[in-house]
């Protein structure tokens, strides 16, 4: 590949790479990710929030840190949200509660 050949360059966040949720979870373990440009399997039919692919705008350690990025995307008119890639319920709690 030539130094100036950008057609074969790996995608970056600035290129708005739509990524599968499984890959997002692998790339950003236990993080809050700010997502836009959702690809939904049944878009608009039942109001379901599920998605198969999305674009990652940012990732943060806490949801509070992700909030300004979500607000900025919403102000630009994009559908946006923050999602946690790890476990929300600790495993120990699941073992204690039947």
Protein backbone atom coordinates (compact mmCIF):
# COMPACT_ATOMS: atom_id res chain seq x y z
CA UNK A 1 0.00 0.00 0.00
CA UNK A 2 1.32 3.45 -0.87
CA UNK A 3 1.66 6.12 1.79
CA UNK A 4 -0.96 8.28 0.06
CA UNK A 5 -3.39 5.43 -0.61
CA UNK A 6 -6.32 6.17 1.72
CA UNK A 7 -8.83 3.84 0.05
CA UNK A 8 -7.43 0.84 1.91
CA UNK A 9 -6.81 2.62 5.21
CA UNK A 10 -8.60 1.20 8.26
CA UNK A 11 -11.78 3.00 9.25
CA UNK A 12 -11.60 5.54 12.06
CA UNK A 13 -14.25 7.16 14.20
CA UNK A 14 -14.16 10.22 11.96
CA UNK A 15 -15.28 8.03 9.05
CA UNK A 16 -18.37 7.00 11.05
CA UNK A 17 -17.78 3.29 10.85
CA UNK A 18 -21.00 1.38 11.55
CA UNK A 19 -19.96 -1.46 13.84
CA UNK A 20 -21.81 -4.55 15.13
CA UNK A 21 -22.73 -4.46 18.83
CA UNK A 22 -20.61 -7.56 19.51
CA UNK A 23 -17.54 -5.78 18.09
CA UNK A 24 -18.30 -2.60 20.05
CA UNK A 25 -18.40 -4.67 23.25
CA UNK A 26 -15.08 -6.31 22.34
CA UNK A 27 -13.35 -3.01 21.54
CA UNK A 28 -14.66 -1.14 24.60
CA UNK A 29 -15.09 -3.63 27.48
CA UNK A 30 -16.89 -2.34 30.58
CA UNK A 31 -17.28 1.17 29.15
CA UNK A 32 -20.09 3.58 28.41
CA UNK A 33 -20.18 4.11 24.66
CA UNK A 34 -21.96 6.99 22.92
CA UNK A 35 -23.68 5.63 19.83
CA UNK A 36 -25.42 7.23 16.84
CA UNK A 37 -26.60 6.11 13.40
CA UNK A 38 -28.29 2.95 14.66
CA UNK A 39 -29.20 0.14 12.29
CA UNK A 40 -32.33 -1.53 13.59
CA UNK A 41 -33.66 -4.91 12.49
CA UNK A 42 -37.31 -3.76 12.60
CA UNK A 43 -36.89 0.01 12.52
CA UNK A 44 -39.97 1.94 13.55
CA UNK A 45 -42.38 -1.00 13.75
CA UNK A 46 -42.71 -1.45 17.50
CA UNK A 47 -40.65 1.29 19.15
CA UNK A 48 -38.03 -1.26 20.14
CA UNK A 49 -34.66 0.21 21.15
CA UNK A 50 -32.68 -2.80 19.95
CA UNK A 51 -30.10 -2.36 17.21
CA UNK A 52 -27.63 -4.50 15.31
CA UNK A 53 -25.02 -1.90 14.30
CA UNK A 54 -24.17 1.66 15.35
CA UNK A 55 -21.47 4.30 15.06
CA UNK A 56 -19.33 4.90 18.16
CA UNK A 57 -18.80 8.62 18.82
CA UNK A 58 -16.99 8.25 22.14
CA UNK A 59 -16.38 5.93 25.08
CA UNK A 60 -16.12 6.76 28.77
CA UNK A 61 -15.67 5.11 32.17
CA UNK A 62 -18.93 6.49 33.57
CA UNK A 63 -22.33 7.36 32.20
CA UNK A 64 -22.00 10.88 33.60
CA UNK A 65 -18.86 11.44 31.51
CA UNK A 66 -20.75 10.28 28.39
CA UNK A 67 -23.67 12.66 28.93
CA UNK A 68 -22.17 15.77 27.23
CA UNK A 69 -21.38 13.76 24.08
CA UNK A 70 -24.95 12.43 23.94
CA UNK A 71 -26.37 15.93 24.42
CA UNK A 72 -24.13 17.34 21.68
CA UNK A 73 -25.24 14.64 19.23
CA UNK A 74 -28.90 15.24 20.08
CA UNK A 75 -28.46 18.98 19.51
CA UNK A 76 -27.06 18.18 16.04
CA UNK A 77 -30.31 16.32 15.36
CA UNK A 78 -28.85 12.82 15.60
CA UNK A 79 -30.48 9.93 17.39
CA UNK A 80 -27.98 9.17 20.16
CA UNK A 81 -27.61 7.24 23.39
CA UNK A 82 -25.10 5.90 25.87
CA UNK A 83 -24.88 2.17 26.40
CA UNK A 84 -22.83 0.07 28.81
CA UNK A 85 -20.80 -2.72 27.23
CA UNK A 86 -20.32 -4.74 30.43
CA UNK A 87 -22.59 -6.28 33.05
CA UNK A 88 -25.03 -3.89 34.72
CA UNK A 89 -25.94 -6.35 37.48
CA UNK A 90 -22.96 -7.73 39.41
CA UNK A 91 -22.61 -11.51 39.19
CA UNK A 92 -22.56 -11.81 43.02
CA UNK A 93 -26.02 -10.19 43.20
CA UNK A 94 -27.44 -12.67 40.67
CA UNK A 95 -26.10 -15.56 42.75
CA UNK A 96 -27.73 -14.22 45.95
CA UNK A 97 -31.16 -13.41 44.51
CA UNK A 98 -33.18 -16.41 43.30
